C-alpha atoms as a PDB file:
ATOM      1  CA  MET A   1       0.000   0.000   0.000  1.00  0.00           C
ATOM      2  CA  ASP A   2       3.101   2.226  -0.104  1.00  0.00           C
ATOM      3  CA  GLU A   3       2.624   3.229   3.543  1.00  0.00           C
ATOM      4  CA  LYS A   4       5.430   4.043   5.944  1.00  0.00           C
ATOM      5  CA  PRO A   5       6.659   1.035   7.993  1.00  0.00           C
ATOM      6  CA  PHE A   6       5.603   2.534  11.329  1.00  0.00           C
ATOM      7  CA  ARG A   7       1.954   2.273  10.200  1.00  0.00           C
ATOM      8  CA  ALA A   8       2.338  -1.523  10.255  1.00  0.00           C
ATOM      9  CA  THR A   9       3.602  -1.280  13.837  1.00  0.00           C
ATOM     10  CA  GLN A  10       0.596   0.845  14.808  1.00  0.00           C
ATOM     11  CA  LEU A  11      -1.801  -1.575  13.148  1.00  0.00           C
ATOM     12  CA  ALA A  12      -0.159  -4.572  14.815  1.00  0.00           C
ATOM     13  CA  ARG A  13      -0.455  -2.922  18.238  1.00  0.00           C
ATOM     14  CA  TRP A  14      -4.173  -2.430  17.777  1.00  0.00           C
ATOM     15  CA  ILE A  15      -4.764  -5.971  16.527  1.00  0.00           C
ATOM     16  CA  TYR A  16      -2.424  -7.957  18.772  1.00  0.00           C
ATOM     17  CA  ARG A  17      -1.938  -5.861  21.909  1.00  0.00           C
ATOM     18  CA  ALA A  18      -5.378  -4.242  22.178  1.00  0.00           C
ATOM     19  CA  ALA A  19      -7.371  -7.063  20.495  1.00  0.00           C
ATOM     20  CA  GLU A  20      -9.259  -4.371  18.571  1.00  0.00           C
ATOM     21  CA  THR A  21     -11.264  -5.428  15.504  1.00  0.00           C
ATOM     22  CA  ASP A  22     -12.960  -2.118  14.647  1.00  0.00           C
ATOM     23  CA  LEU A  23     -10.775  -0.087  12.267  1.00  0.00           C
ATOM     24  CA  ASP A  24     -12.603   3.110  13.252  1.00  0.00           C
ATOM     25  CA  GLN A  25     -11.265   2.707  16.789  1.00  0.00           C
ATOM     26  CA  MET A  26      -7.657   2.659  15.553  1.00  0.00           C
ATOM     27  CA  ARG A  27      -7.446   6.393  15.986  1.00  0.00           C
ATOM     28  CA  ASP A  28      -3.760   6.939  15.223  1.00  0.00           C
ATOM     29  CA  LEU A  29      -4.196   5.485  11.713  1.00  0.00           C
ATOM     30  CA  PRO A  30      -5.109   8.030   9.022  1.00  0.00           C
ATOM     31  CA  ALA A  31      -8.667   7.869   7.736  1.00  0.00           C
ATOM     32  CA  THR A  32      -7.355   7.191   4.231  1.00  0.00           C
ATOM     33  CA  LEU A  33      -5.492   4.088   5.435  1.00  0.00           C
ATOM     34  CA  ARG A  34      -8.477   2.862   7.433  1.00  0.00           C
ATOM     35  CA  LYS A  35     -10.591   3.197   4.302  1.00  0.00           C
ATOM     36  CA  MET A  36      -8.096   1.142   2.282  1.00  0.00           C
ATOM     37  CA  LEU A  37      -8.110  -1.542   5.001  1.00  0.00           C
ATOM     38  CA  ALA A  38     -11.908  -1.702   5.160  1.00  0.00           C
ATOM     39  CA  ASP A  39     -12.070  -4.631   2.726  1.00  0.00           C
ATOM     40  CA  TYR A  40      -9.983  -6.792   5.041  1.00  0.00           C
ATOM     41  CA  THR A  41     -11.186  -8.795   8.022  1.00  0.00           C
ATOM     42  CA  VAL A  42      -9.177  -8.242  11.194  1.00  0.00           C
ATOM     43  CA  ASN A  43     -10.293 -11.479  12.881  1.00  0.00           C
ATOM     44  CA  PRO A  44     -11.885 -14.187  10.708  1.00  0.00           C
ATOM     45  CA  LEU A  45     -13.597 -15.949  13.606  1.00  0.00           C
ATOM     46  CA  GLN A  46     -17.314 -15.790  14.326  1.00  0.00           C
ATOM     47  CA  ILE A  47     -18.878 -16.843  17.620  1.00  0.00           C
ATOM     48  CA  THR A  48     -21.609 -19.480  17.312  1.00  0.00           C
ATOM     49  CA  THR A  49     -22.154 -20.185  21.001  1.00  0.00           C
ATOM     50  CA  ARG A  50     -20.925 -18.694  24.266  1.00  0.00           C
ATOM     51  CA  LEU A  51     -21.394 -20.425  27.604  1.00  0.00           C
ATOM     52  CA  SER A  52     -20.614 -18.920  31.002  1.00  0.00           C
ATOM     53  CA  SER A  53     -19.794 -21.103  33.990  1.00  0.00           C
ATOM     54  CA  SER A  54     -20.674 -20.380  37.592  1.00  0.00           C
ATOM     55  CA  ASP A  55     -16.925 -20.346  38.374  1.00  0.00           C
ATOM     56  CA  GLY A  56     -16.101 -17.650  35.798  1.00  0.00           C
ATOM     57  CA  VAL A  57     -15.011 -19.863  32.918  1.00  0.00           C
ATOM     58  CA  GLU A  58     -16.169 -18.709  29.476  1.00  0.00           C
ATOM     59  CA  LYS A  59     -16.354 -21.141  26.581  1.00  0.00           C
ATOM     60  CA  LEU A  60     -16.692 -20.007  22.979  1.00  0.00           C
ATOM     61  CA  LEU A  61     -17.679 -22.136  20.021  1.00  0.00           C
ATOM     62  CA  VAL A  62     -16.346 -20.403  16.894  1.00  0.00           C
ATOM     63  CA  HIS A  63     -15.930 -20.870  13.143  1.00  0.00           C
ATOM     64  CA  SER A  64     -14.318 -19.127  10.174  1.00  0.00           C
ATOM     65  CA  GLY A  65     -17.505 -18.626   8.180  1.00  0.00           C
ATOM     66  CA  ASP A  66     -18.020 -22.263   7.192  1.00  0.00           C
ATOM     67  CA  GLU A  67     -19.978 -23.435  10.289  1.00  0.00           C
ATOM     68  CA  GLN A  68     -17.259 -25.991  11.074  1.00  0.00           C
ATOM     69  CA  VAL A  69     -16.896 -25.238  14.751  1.00  0.00           C
ATOM     70  CA  PHE A  70     -14.033 -25.421  17.222  1.00  0.00           C
ATOM     71  CA  GLU A  71     -13.568 -24.360  20.819  1.00  0.00           C
ATOM     72  CA  CYS A  72     -11.609 -21.943  22.963  1.00  0.00           C
ATOM     73  CA  VAL A  73     -11.917 -21.375  26.699  1.00  0.00           C
ATOM     74  CA  LEU A  74     -11.173 -18.445  29.007  1.00  0.00           C
ATOM     75  CA  LEU A  75      -9.844 -19.514  32.424  1.00  0.00           C
ATOM     76  CA  PRO A  76      -9.692 -16.771  35.086  1.00  0.00           C
ATOM     77  CA  TYR A  77      -7.689 -17.504  38.235  1.00  0.00           C
ATOM     78  CA  ALA A  78      -7.089 -15.493  41.399  1.00  0.00           C
ATOM     79  CA  LYS A  79      -3.925 -13.770  40.171  1.00  0.00           C
ATOM     80  CA  ARG A  80      -3.820 -14.441  36.438  1.00  0.00           C
ATOM     81  CA  ILE A  81      -5.919 -15.152  33.369  1.00  0.00           C
ATOM     82  CA  SER A  82      -5.276 -18.132  31.141  1.00  0.00           C
ATOM     83  CA  CYS A  83      -6.892 -19.524  28.018  1.00  0.00           C
ATOM     84  CA  CYS A  84      -7.105 -22.847  26.209  1.00  0.00           C
ATOM     85  CA  LEU A  85      -6.834 -22.873  22.398  1.00  0.00           C
ATOM     86  CA  SER A  86      -7.608 -25.435  19.691  1.00  0.00           C
ATOM     87  CA  THR A  87      -5.206 -26.293  16.872  1.00  0.00           C
ATOM     88  CA  GLN A  88      -7.361 -28.567  14.730  1.00  0.00           C
ATOM     89  CA  LEU A  89     -10.987 -28.848  13.745  1.00  0.00           C
ATOM     90  CA  GLY A  90     -11.661 -32.167  15.398  1.00  0.00           C
ATOM     91  CA  CYS A  91      -8.873 -34.671  16.042  1.00  0.00           C
ATOM     92  CA  PRO A  92      -7.649 -37.779  14.161  1.00  0.00           C
ATOM     93  CA  MET A  93      -5.908 -39.478  17.091  1.00  0.00           C
ATOM     94  CA  GLY A  94      -8.895 -41.566  18.177  1.00  0.00           C
ATOM     95  CA  CYS A  95      -8.326 -41.603  21.962  1.00  0.00           C
ATOM     96  CA  THR A  96     -11.196 -43.651  23.311  1.00  0.00           C
ATOM     97  CA  PHE A  97     -11.941 -41.362  26.285  1.00  0.00           C
ATOM     98  CA  CYS A  98     -12.036 -38.083  24.337  1.00  0.00           C
ATOM     99  CA  ALA A  99     -15.153 -36.266  23.136  1.00  0.00           C
ATOM    100  CA  THR A 100     -13.233 -34.532  20.349  1.00  0.00           C
ATOM    101  CA  GLY A 101     -11.791 -37.782  19.028  1.00  0.00           C
ATOM    102  CA  LEU A 102     -15.272 -39.284  18.886  1.00  0.00           C
ATOM    103  CA  GLY A 103     -16.304 -36.437  16.577  1.00  0.00           C
ATOM    104  CA  GLY A 104     -13.680 -37.165  13.910  1.00  0.00           C
ATOM    105  CA  PHE A 105     -11.303 -34.840  12.081  1.00  0.00           C
ATOM    106  CA  ASP A 106     -11.858 -32.144   9.466  1.00  0.00           C
ATOM    107  CA  ARG A 107      -8.707 -30.055   9.012  1.00  0.00           C
ATOM    108  CA  ASN A 108      -5.852 -28.148  10.586  1.00  0.00           C
ATOM    109  CA  LEU A 109      -6.422 -24.597  11.792  1.00  0.00           C
ATOM    110  CA  GLY A 110      -4.262 -21.837  10.331  1.00  0.00           C
ATOM    111  CA  PRO A 111      -2.176 -19.441  12.448  1.00  0.00           C
ATOM    112  CA  GLY A 112      -4.833 -16.721  12.056  1.00  0.00           C
ATOM    113  CA  GLU A 113      -7.523 -19.069  13.349  1.00  0.00           C
ATOM    114  CA  ILE A 114      -5.359 -20.164  16.287  1.00  0.00           C
ATOM    115  CA  VAL A 115      -4.212 -16.702  17.358  1.00  0.00           C
ATOM    116  CA  GLY A 116      -7.697 -15.375  16.522  1.00  0.00           C
ATOM    117  CA  GLN A 117      -9.064 -17.458  19.405  1.00  0.00           C
ATOM    118  CA  TYR A 118      -6.730 -15.682  21.812  1.00  0.00           C
ATOM    119  CA  LEU A 119      -7.747 -12.280  20.426  1.00  0.00           C
ATOM    120  CA  LEU A 120     -11.465 -13.091  20.731  1.00  0.00           C
ATOM    121  CA  LEU A 121     -10.988 -14.082  24.362  1.00  0.00           C
ATOM    122  CA  GLN A 122      -8.829 -11.024  25.076  1.00  0.00           C
ATOM    123  CA  GLY A 123     -11.546  -8.870  23.518  1.00  0.00           C
ATOM    124  CA  PHE A 124     -14.032 -10.440  25.942  1.00  0.00           C
ATOM    125  CA  VAL A 125     -11.702  -9.620  28.859  1.00  0.00           C
ATOM    126  CA  ASN A 126     -11.453  -6.012  27.639  1.00  0.00           C
ATOM    127  CA  GLU A 127     -15.240  -5.711  27.503  1.00  0.00           C
ATOM    128  CA  HIS A 128     -15.709  -7.181  30.996  1.00  0.00           C
ATOM    129  CA  SER A 129     -12.775  -5.616  32.825  1.00  0.00           C
ATOM    130  CA  ASP A 130     -15.105  -4.665  35.692  1.00  0.00           C
ATOM    131  CA  ARG A 131     -15.452  -8.347  36.637  1.00  0.00           C
ATOM    132  CA  PRO A 132     -13.357  -9.034  39.755  1.00  0.00           C
ATOM    133  CA  ASP A 133     -11.809 -12.167  38.249  1.00  0.00           C
ATOM    134  CA  LEU A 134     -10.796 -10.306  35.070  1.00  0.00           C
ATOM    135  CA  ARG A 135      -9.158  -7.286  36.680  1.00  0.00           C
ATOM    136  CA  ALA A 136      -5.711  -8.570  35.718  1.00  0.00           C
ATOM    137  CA  GLY A 137      -6.784  -7.245  32.337  1.00  0.00           C
ATOM    138  CA  ARG A 138      -4.591  -9.419  30.174  1.00  0.00           C
ATOM    139  CA  ILE A 139      -4.494 -13.088  29.284  1.00  0.00           C
ATOM    140  CA  GLY A 140      -0.948 -13.944  30.257  1.00  0.00           C
ATOM    141  CA  HIS A 141      -0.918 -17.739  29.908  1.00  0.00           C
ATOM    142  CA  VAL A 142      -1.888 -19.930  26.960  1.00  0.00           C
ATOM    143  CA  VAL A 143      -2.347 -23.704  26.879  1.00  0.00           C
ATOM    144  CA  PHE A 144      -2.746 -25.615  23.629  1.00  0.00           C
ATOM    145  CA  MET A 145      -5.008 -28.268  25.119  1.00  0.00           C
ATOM    146  CA  GLY A 146      -8.181 -27.650  23.128  1.00  0.00           C
ATOM    147  CA  MET A 147      -9.406 -29.601  20.141  1.00  0.00           C
ATOM    148  CA  GLY A 148      -6.806 -31.448  18.101  1.00  0.00           C
ATOM    149  CA  GLU A 149      -3.243 -32.721  18.417  1.00  0.00           C
ATOM    150  CA  PRO A 150      -1.020 -29.613  18.239  1.00  0.00           C
ATOM    151  CA  LEU A 151       2.057 -31.428  16.932  1.00  0.00           C
ATOM    152  CA  LEU A 152       0.111 -32.768  13.942  1.00  0.00           C
ATOM    153  CA  ASN A 153      -0.288 -29.121  12.914  1.00  0.00           C
ATOM    154  CA  TYR A 154       3.371 -28.422  13.589  1.00  0.00           C
ATOM    155  CA  ASP A 155       4.176 -25.538  11.210  1.00  0.00           C
ATOM    156  CA  ASN A 156       1.008 -23.595  12.048  1.00  0.00           C
ATOM    157  CA  LEU A 157       1.573 -24.252  15.754  1.00  0.00           C
ATOM    158  CA  LEU A 158       5.079 -22.775  15.623  1.00  0.00           C
ATOM    159  CA  ALA A 159       3.842 -19.782  13.635  1.00  0.00           C
ATOM    160  CA  SER A 160       1.160 -19.216  16.294  1.00  0.00           C
ATOM    161  CA  LEU A 161       3.631 -19.499  19.164  1.00  0.00           C
ATOM    162  CA  ARG A 162       5.886 -16.936  17.505  1.00  0.00           C
ATOM    163  CA  LEU A 163       2.973 -14.570  16.835  1.00  0.00           C
ATOM    164  CA  LEU A 164       1.861 -14.794  20.447  1.00  0.00           C
ATOM    165  CA  HIS A 165       5.406 -14.021  21.572  1.00  0.00           C
ATOM    166  CA  ASP A 166       6.541 -11.458  19.005  1.00  0.00           C
ATOM    167  CA  GLU A 167       3.292  -9.579  18.352  1.00  0.00           C
ATOM    168  CA  VAL A 168       1.014 -10.190  21.343  1.00  0.00           C
ATOM    169  CA  GLY A 169       3.929  -9.974  23.765  1.00  0.00           C
ATOM    170  CA  LEU A 170       3.488 -13.183  25.764  1.00  0.00           C
ATOM    171  CA  SER A 171       6.403 -15.026  27.319  1.00  0.00           C
ATOM    172  CA  TYR A 172       7.227 -18.414  25.810  1.00  0.00           C
ATOM    173  CA  ARG A 173       7.524 -19.638  29.388  1.00  0.00           C
ATOM    174  CA  HIS A 174       3.811 -18.934  29.819  1.00  0.00           C
ATOM    175  CA  MET A 175       2.823 -21.192  26.913  1.00  0.00           C
ATOM    176  CA  THR A 176       2.128 -24.916  27.232  1.00  0.00           C
ATOM    177  CA  VAL A 177       1.676 -27.390  24.376  1.00  0.00           C
ATOM    178  CA  SER A 178       0.008 -30.717  25.112  1.00  0.00           C
ATOM    179  CA  THR A 179       0.652 -33.796  22.961  1.00  0.00           C
ATOM    180  CA  VAL A 180      -0.376 -37.451  22.879  1.00  0.00           C
ATOM    181  CA  GLY A 181       3.266 -38.246  22.167  1.00  0.00           C
ATOM    182  CA  LEU A 182       4.396 -37.784  18.545  1.00  0.00           C
ATOM    183  CA  VAL A 183       8.068 -38.607  18.984  1.00  0.00           C
ATOM    184  CA  PRO A 184       9.553 -37.032  15.798  1.00  0.00           C
ATOM    185  CA  GLN A 185       7.750 -33.741  16.434  1.00  0.00           C
ATOM    186  CA  ILE A 186       8.769 -33.720  20.114  1.00  0.00           C
ATOM    187  CA  ARG A 187      12.388 -33.988  19.023  1.00  0.00           C
ATOM    188  CA  ASP A 188      11.876 -31.271  16.393  1.00  0.00           C
ATOM    189  CA  LEU A 189      10.274 -29.010  18.983  1.00  0.00           C
ATOM    190  CA  ALA A 190      13.303 -29.449  21.238  1.00  0.00           C
ATOM    191  CA  LYS A 191      15.475 -28.126  18.392  1.00  0.00           C
ATOM    192  CA  SER A 192      13.195 -25.157  17.649  1.00  0.00           C
ATOM    193  CA  GLY A 193      14.699 -22.985  20.374  1.00  0.00           C
ATOM    194  CA  LEU A 194      11.291 -22.058  21.816  1.00  0.00           C
ATOM    195  CA  PRO A 195      11.428 -22.498  25.625  1.00  0.00           C
ATOM    196  CA  ILE A 196       7.789 -23.525  26.034  1.00  0.00           C
ATOM    197  CA  HIS A 197       6.321 -26.036  28.440  1.00  0.00           C
ATOM    198  CA  LEU A 198       5.590 -29.457  26.961  1.00  0.00           C
ATOM    199  CA  ALA A 199       2.906 -31.691  28.456  1.00  0.00           C
ATOM    200  CA  LEU A 200       2.511 -35.363  27.594  1.00  0.00           C
ATOM    201  CA  SER A 201      -0.881 -37.042  27.798  1.00  0.00           C
ATOM    202  CA  LEU A 202       0.341 -40.379  29.165  1.00  0.00           C
ATOM    203  CA  HIS A 203      -2.630 -41.885  31.041  1.00  0.00           C
ATOM    204  CA  SER A 204      -0.909 -45.205  31.737  1.00  0.00           C
ATOM    205  CA  PRO A 205       2.666 -46.457  32.164  1.00  0.00           C
ATOM    206  CA  ILE A 206       1.636 -49.878  30.811  1.00  0.00           C
ATOM    207  CA  ASP A 207       1.722 -50.282  27.031  1.00  0.00           C
ATOM    208  CA  GLU A 208      -1.233 -52.646  26.892  1.00  0.00           C
ATOM    209  CA  VAL A 209      -3.452 -50.254  28.865  1.00  0.00           C
ATOM    210  CA  ARG A 210      -2.238 -47.117  27.075  1.00  0.00           C
ATOM    211  CA  SER A 211      -2.749 -48.699  23.643  1.00  0.00           C
ATOM    212  CA  ARG A 212      -6.360 -49.431  24.569  1.00  0.00           C
ATOM    213  CA  LEU A 213      -6.854 -45.799  25.523  1.00  0.00           C
ATOM    214  CA  MET A 214      -4.655 -44.173  22.880  1.00  0.00           C
ATOM    215  CA  PRO A 215      -3.960 -45.784  19.477  1.00  0.00           C
ATOM    216  CA  VAL A 216      -0.840 -43.620  19.104  1.00  0.00           C
ATOM    217  CA  ASN A 217       0.867 -45.907  21.621  1.00  0.00           C
ATOM    218  CA  ASN A 218       0.953 -48.659  19.004  1.00  0.00           C
ATOM    219  CA  ARG A 219       3.316 -46.438  16.994  1.00  0.00           C
ATOM    220  CA  TRP A 220       5.372 -44.926  19.822  1.00  0.00           C
ATOM    221  CA  PRO A 221       5.141 -46.981  23.026  1.00  0.00           C
ATOM    222  CA  VAL A 222       5.651 -45.652  26.532  1.00  0.00           C
ATOM    223  CA  ALA A 223       9.427 -46.118  26.775  1.00  0.00           C
ATOM    224  CA  GLU A 224      10.054 -44.383  23.437  1.00  0.00           C
ATOM    225  CA  VAL A 225       7.830 -41.381  24.131  1.00  0.00           C
ATOM    226  CA  LEU A 226       9.255 -40.929  27.652  1.00  0.00           C
ATOM    227  CA  ASP A 227      12.756 -40.996  26.191  1.00  0.00           C
ATOM    228  CA  ALA A 228      11.755 -38.191  23.794  1.00  0.00           C
ATOM    229  CA  MET A 229      10.257 -36.165  26.659  1.00  0.00           C
ATOM    230  CA  LYS A 230      13.398 -36.574  28.757  1.00  0.00           C
ATOM    231  CA  SER A 231      15.474 -35.481  25.779  1.00  0.00           C
ATOM    232  CA  TYR A 232      13.228 -32.422  25.437  1.00  0.00           C
ATOM    233  CA  GLN A 233      13.841 -31.584  29.093  1.00  0.00           C
ATOM    234  CA  ARG A 234      17.612 -31.914  28.756  1.00  0.00           C
ATOM    235  CA  THR A 235      17.695 -29.757  25.606  1.00  0.00           C
ATOM    236  CA  THR A 236      15.392 -26.967  26.817  1.00  0.00           C
ATOM    237  CA  GLY A 237      15.890 -27.072  30.576  1.00  0.00           C
ATOM    238  CA  ARG A 238      12.107 -26.976  30.972  1.00  0.00           C
ATOM    239  CA  LYS A 239      10.371 -29.220  33.483  1.00  0.00           C
ATOM    240  CA  ILE A 240       8.114 -31.722  31.701  1.00  0.00           C
ATOM    241  CA  THR A 241       4.480 -32.245  32.610  1.00  0.00           C
ATOM    242  CA  ILE A 242       2.810 -35.648  32.581  1.00  0.00           C
ATOM    243  CA  GLU A 243      -0.943 -35.418  32.197  1.00  0.00           C
ATOM    244  CA  TYR A 244      -2.643 -38.456  33.732  1.00  0.00           C
ATOM    245  CA  LEU A 245      -6.384 -38.928  33.261  1.00  0.00           C
ATOM    246  CA  LEU A 246      -7.684 -41.240  35.976  1.00  0.00           C
ATOM    247  CA  ILE A 247     -10.403 -43.673  34.844  1.00  0.00           C
ATOM    248  CA  ASP A 248     -12.108 -45.945  37.339  1.00  0.00           C
ATOM    249  CA  GLY A 249     -10.800 -49.503  37.215  1.00  0.00           C
ATOM    250  CA  VAL A 250      -8.650 -48.860  34.119  1.00  0.00           C
ATOM    251  CA  ASN A 251      -5.540 -46.886  35.070  1.00  0.00           C
ATOM    252  CA  ASP A 252      -6.045 -45.882  38.698  1.00  0.00           C
ATOM    253  CA  THR A 253      -4.337 -48.904  40.266  1.00  0.00           C
ATOM    254  CA  ILE A 254      -1.504 -48.725  42.782  1.00  0.00           C
ATOM    255  CA  GLU A 255       0.632 -50.848  40.453  1.00  0.00           C
ATOM    256  CA  GLN A 256       0.384 -48.195  37.747  1.00  0.00           C
ATOM    257  CA  ALA A 257       1.214 -45.454  40.245  1.00  0.00           C
ATOM    258  CA  ARG A 258       4.416 -47.308  41.152  1.00  0.00           C
ATOM    259  CA  LEU A 259       5.370 -47.798  37.484  1.00  0.00           C
ATOM    260  CA  LEU A 260       4.662 -44.140  36.747  1.00  0.00           C
ATOM    261  CA  ALA A 261       6.917 -43.054  39.590  1.00  0.00           C
ATOM    262  CA  ARG A 262       9.695 -45.204  38.158  1.00  0.00           C
ATOM    263  CA  LEU A 263       9.248 -43.634  34.704  1.00  0.00           C
ATOM    264  CA  VAL A 264       9.710 -40.032  35.849  1.00  0.00           C
ATOM    265  CA  LYS A 265      12.456 -40.669  38.378  1.00  0.00           C
ATOM    266  CA  GLY A 266      15.506 -38.487  37.843  1.00  0.00           C
ATOM    267  CA  VAL A 267      13.975 -35.955  35.454  1.00  0.00           C
ATOM    268  CA  PRO A 268      12.475 -32.586  36.509  1.00  0.00           C
ATOM    269  CA  HIS A 269       8.764 -33.122  36.200  1.00  0.00           C
ATOM    270  CA  VAL A 270       5.254 -32.624  37.474  1.00  0.00           C
ATOM    271  CA  VAL A 271       2.492 -35.213  37.225  1.00  0.00           C
ATOM    272  CA  ASN A 272      -0.933 -33.634  36.825  1.00  0.00           C
ATOM    273  CA  LEU A 273      -3.790 -35.919  37.883  1.00  0.00           C
ATOM    274  CA  ILE A 274      -7.129 -35.338  36.129  1.00  0.00           C
ATOM    275  CA  PRO A 275     -10.383 -37.112  37.013  1.00  0.00           C
ATOM    276  CA  PHE A 276     -12.216 -38.396  33.943  1.00  0.00           C
ATOM    277  CA  ASN A 277     -14.915 -36.071  32.589  1.00  0.00           C
ATOM    278  CA  TYR A 278     -17.903 -38.096  31.492  1.00  0.00           C
ATOM    279  CA  VAL A 279     -18.089 -38.823  27.767  1.00  0.00           C
ATOM    280  CA  ASP A 280     -20.544 -41.331  26.296  1.00  0.00           C
ATOM    281  CA  THR A 281     -18.184 -44.011  24.991  1.00  0.00           C
ATOM    282  CA  GLU A 282     -18.566 -47.650  24.026  1.00  0.00           C
ATOM    283  CA  GLN A 283     -16.201 -48.574  26.864  1.00  0.00           C
ATOM    284  CA  GLY A 284     -18.483 -47.137  29.550  1.00  0.00           C
ATOM    285  CA  PHE A 285     -15.652 -45.306  31.314  1.00  0.00           C
ATOM    286  CA  ARG A 286     -16.381 -43.853  34.765  1.00  0.00           C
ATOM    287  CA  ARG A 287     -14.826 -41.247  37.019  1.00  0.00           C
ATOM    288  CA  PRO A 288     -12.514 -42.659  39.682  1.00  0.00           C
ATOM    289  CA  THR A 289     -13.638 -42.682  43.277  1.00  0.00           C
ATOM    290  CA  ARG A 290     -12.159 -40.044  45.581  1.00  0.00           C
ATOM    291  CA  GLU A 291     -10.636 -42.864  47.622  1.00  0.00           C
ATOM    292  CA  ASN A 292      -8.793 -44.261  44.581  1.00  0.00           C
ATOM    293  CA  MET A 293      -7.603 -40.805  43.552  1.00  0.00           C
ATOM    294  CA  ARG A 294      -6.218 -40.128  47.015  1.00  0.00           C
ATOM    295  CA  ALA A 295      -4.511 -43.540  47.149  1.00  0.00           C
ATOM    296  CA  PHE A 296      -2.962 -43.023  43.694  1.00  0.00           C
ATOM    297  CA  ARG A 297      -1.639 -39.609  44.689  1.00  0.00           C
ATOM    298  CA  ARG A 298      -0.311 -40.828  48.030  1.00  0.00           C
ATOM    299  CA  GLU A 299       1.606 -43.615  46.291  1.00  0.00           C
ATOM    300  CA  LEU A 300       3.216 -41.164  43.864  1.00  0.00           C
ATOM    301  CA  GLU A 301       4.146 -38.682  46.583  1.00  0.00           C
ATOM    302  CA  ALA A 302       5.605 -41.441  48.764  1.00  0.00           C
ATOM    303  CA  ARG A 303       7.956 -42.228  45.865  1.00  0.00           C
ATOM    304  CA  GLY A 304       9.110 -38.632  45.446  1.00  0.00           C
ATOM    305  CA  VAL A 305       6.890 -37.644  42.528  1.00  0.00           C
ATOM    306  CA  ASN A 306       5.899 -33.976  42.206  1.00  0.00           C
ATOM    307  CA  VAL A 307       2.095 -34.240  41.952  1.00  0.00           C
ATOM    308  CA  THR A 308      -0.657 -31.740  41.274  1.00  0.00           C
ATOM    309  CA  GLU A 309      -4.354 -32.356  40.854  1.00  0.00           C
ATOM    310  CA  ARG A 310      -6.133 -30.347  38.199  1.00  0.00           C
ATOM    311  CA  VAL A 311      -8.789 -28.061  39.606  1.00  0.00           C
ATOM    312  CA  GLU A 312     -11.884 -28.752  37.548  1.00  0.00           C
ATOM    313  CA  ARG A 313     -13.253 -25.622  35.913  1.00  0.00           C
ATOM    314  CA  GLY A 314     -16.356 -24.996  33.863  1.00  0.00           C
ATOM    315  CA  HIS A 315     -17.881 -28.349  34.706  1.00  0.00           C
ATOM    316  CA  ASP A 316     -21.440 -26.969  34.454  1.00  0.00           C
ATOM    317  CA  ILE A 317     -20.881 -25.780  30.860  1.00  0.00           C
ATOM    318  CA  ALA A 318     -19.210 -28.972  29.581  1.00  0.00           C
ATOM    319  CA  ALA A 319     -15.818 -27.257  29.402  1.00  0.00           C
ATOM    320  CA  ALA A 320     -14.057 -30.557  28.851  1.00  0.00           C
ATOM    321  CA  CYS A 321     -12.549 -30.540  25.381  1.00  0.00           C
ATOM    322  CA  GLY A 322     -14.956 -31.431  22.581  1.00  0.00           C
ATOM    323  CA  GLN A 323     -18.144 -31.624  24.604  1.00  0.00           C
ATOM    324  CA  LEU A 324     -19.654 -28.373  23.323  1.00  0.00           C
ATOM    325  CA  ALA A 325     -18.612 -28.890  19.691  1.00  0.00           C
ATOM    326  CA  GLY A 326     -20.165 -32.337  19.772  1.00  0.00           C
ATOM    327  CA  ARG A 327     -23.568 -30.757  20.466  1.00  0.00           C
ATOM    328  CA  HIS A 328     -23.406 -28.332  17.529  1.00  0.00           C
ATOM    329  CA  GLU A 329     -25.679 -29.181  14.591  1.00  0.00           C
ATOM    330  CA  GLY A 330     -23.596 -27.570  11.855  1.00  0.00           C
ATOM    331  CA  ARG A 331     -21.354 -29.329   9.365  1.00  0.00           C
ATOM    332  CA  PHE A 332     -19.016 -30.657  12.045  1.00  0.00           C
ATOM    333  CA  ALA A 333     -20.992 -33.788  12.916  1.00  0.00           C
ATOM    334  CA  ARG A 334     -20.107 -36.760  15.046  1.00  0.00           C
ATOM    335  CA  ARG A 335     -18.855 -39.702  12.998  1.00  0.00           C
ATOM    336  CA  ARG A 336     -16.603 -42.722  13.139  1.00  0.00           C
ATOM    337  CA  VAL A 337     -12.978 -41.960  13.889  1.00  0.00           C
ATOM    338  CA  SER A 338     -10.301 -42.609  11.278  1.00  0.00           C
ATOM    339  CA  VAL A 339      -6.861 -42.768  12.863  1.00  0.00           C
ATOM    340  CA  ALA A 340      -3.957 -41.548  10.734  1.00  0.00           C
ATOM    341  CA  LEU A 341      -0.525 -41.633  12.345  1.00  0.00           C
ATOM    342  CA  PRO A 342       2.528 -39.817  10.958  1.00  0.00           C
ATOM    343  CA  VAL A 343       5.586 -41.787   9.906  1.00  0.00           C
ATOM    344  CA  SER A 344       8.831 -41.057  11.738  1.00  0.00           C
ATOM    345  CA  GLY A 345      11.696 -39.554   9.766  1.00  0.00           C
END
């Protein structure tokens, strides 16, 4: 457009730092430039559904104009605001406990669609800054734990991480990527030079059990994926997180707690225990009892494991990944899962 370079900086500040979508509000841009930009869309995302939880969680169901919906979630805490973003429309990994996996897979999300979720949520925070739990004013933490497997959308994921850092101004150390355990991409991520947190959805230290829960384990079994995670920790210096979804009678045994403790011994880590959120599956999975959860945690702690227990948020609005999208009656319909695994190398 033959404009001076500093105009791009001004525009980027409005879009990324202020989460502004109305060109008329970008007051330091000349009217002539705003008129030239009027044919462009600042944020391609449209909100289909918004649900508000009694604990302050906000869940948005969004699309890019095609009615194929995906989810993002705002998570206010006492001293900070976080958000959870999706990287794919659906998920091809076929985990048997996951609502998103039951819905199938459509496509990868582009960097604009990924970062656009953050900007939509930040815009909501700006509009509701009088809420006590939103007075921090800025979403300072991002977790890629929404719909999809982030490392299957590797290039767009990295572009999004860099946009959030370079343009939005977030610290890489306040970003967490969750994966089911794609070993080649974990090793690539370690070489990327981005000091982000990496979380592994493990869910069992026993190959037979994990393969029943997560088909990806047939390609990269427990020992191989833990070796990749330990290598990531050594390369980046970042503590690894092990996400462990507890399912009654499946993976909540004391034996598995002991094996898990052995797996993480000697590497900086945290094990995050998560009670199963109900999803209607053929397996009839159930939430673990409080007694079993306490016993599992006690066993880990007795063996020197750093354990946290995820505080459940947004339970009354089905904030577990995939539950809201599964209710939408647009083009993203529930269907049989087709599992496609990448080939190493």
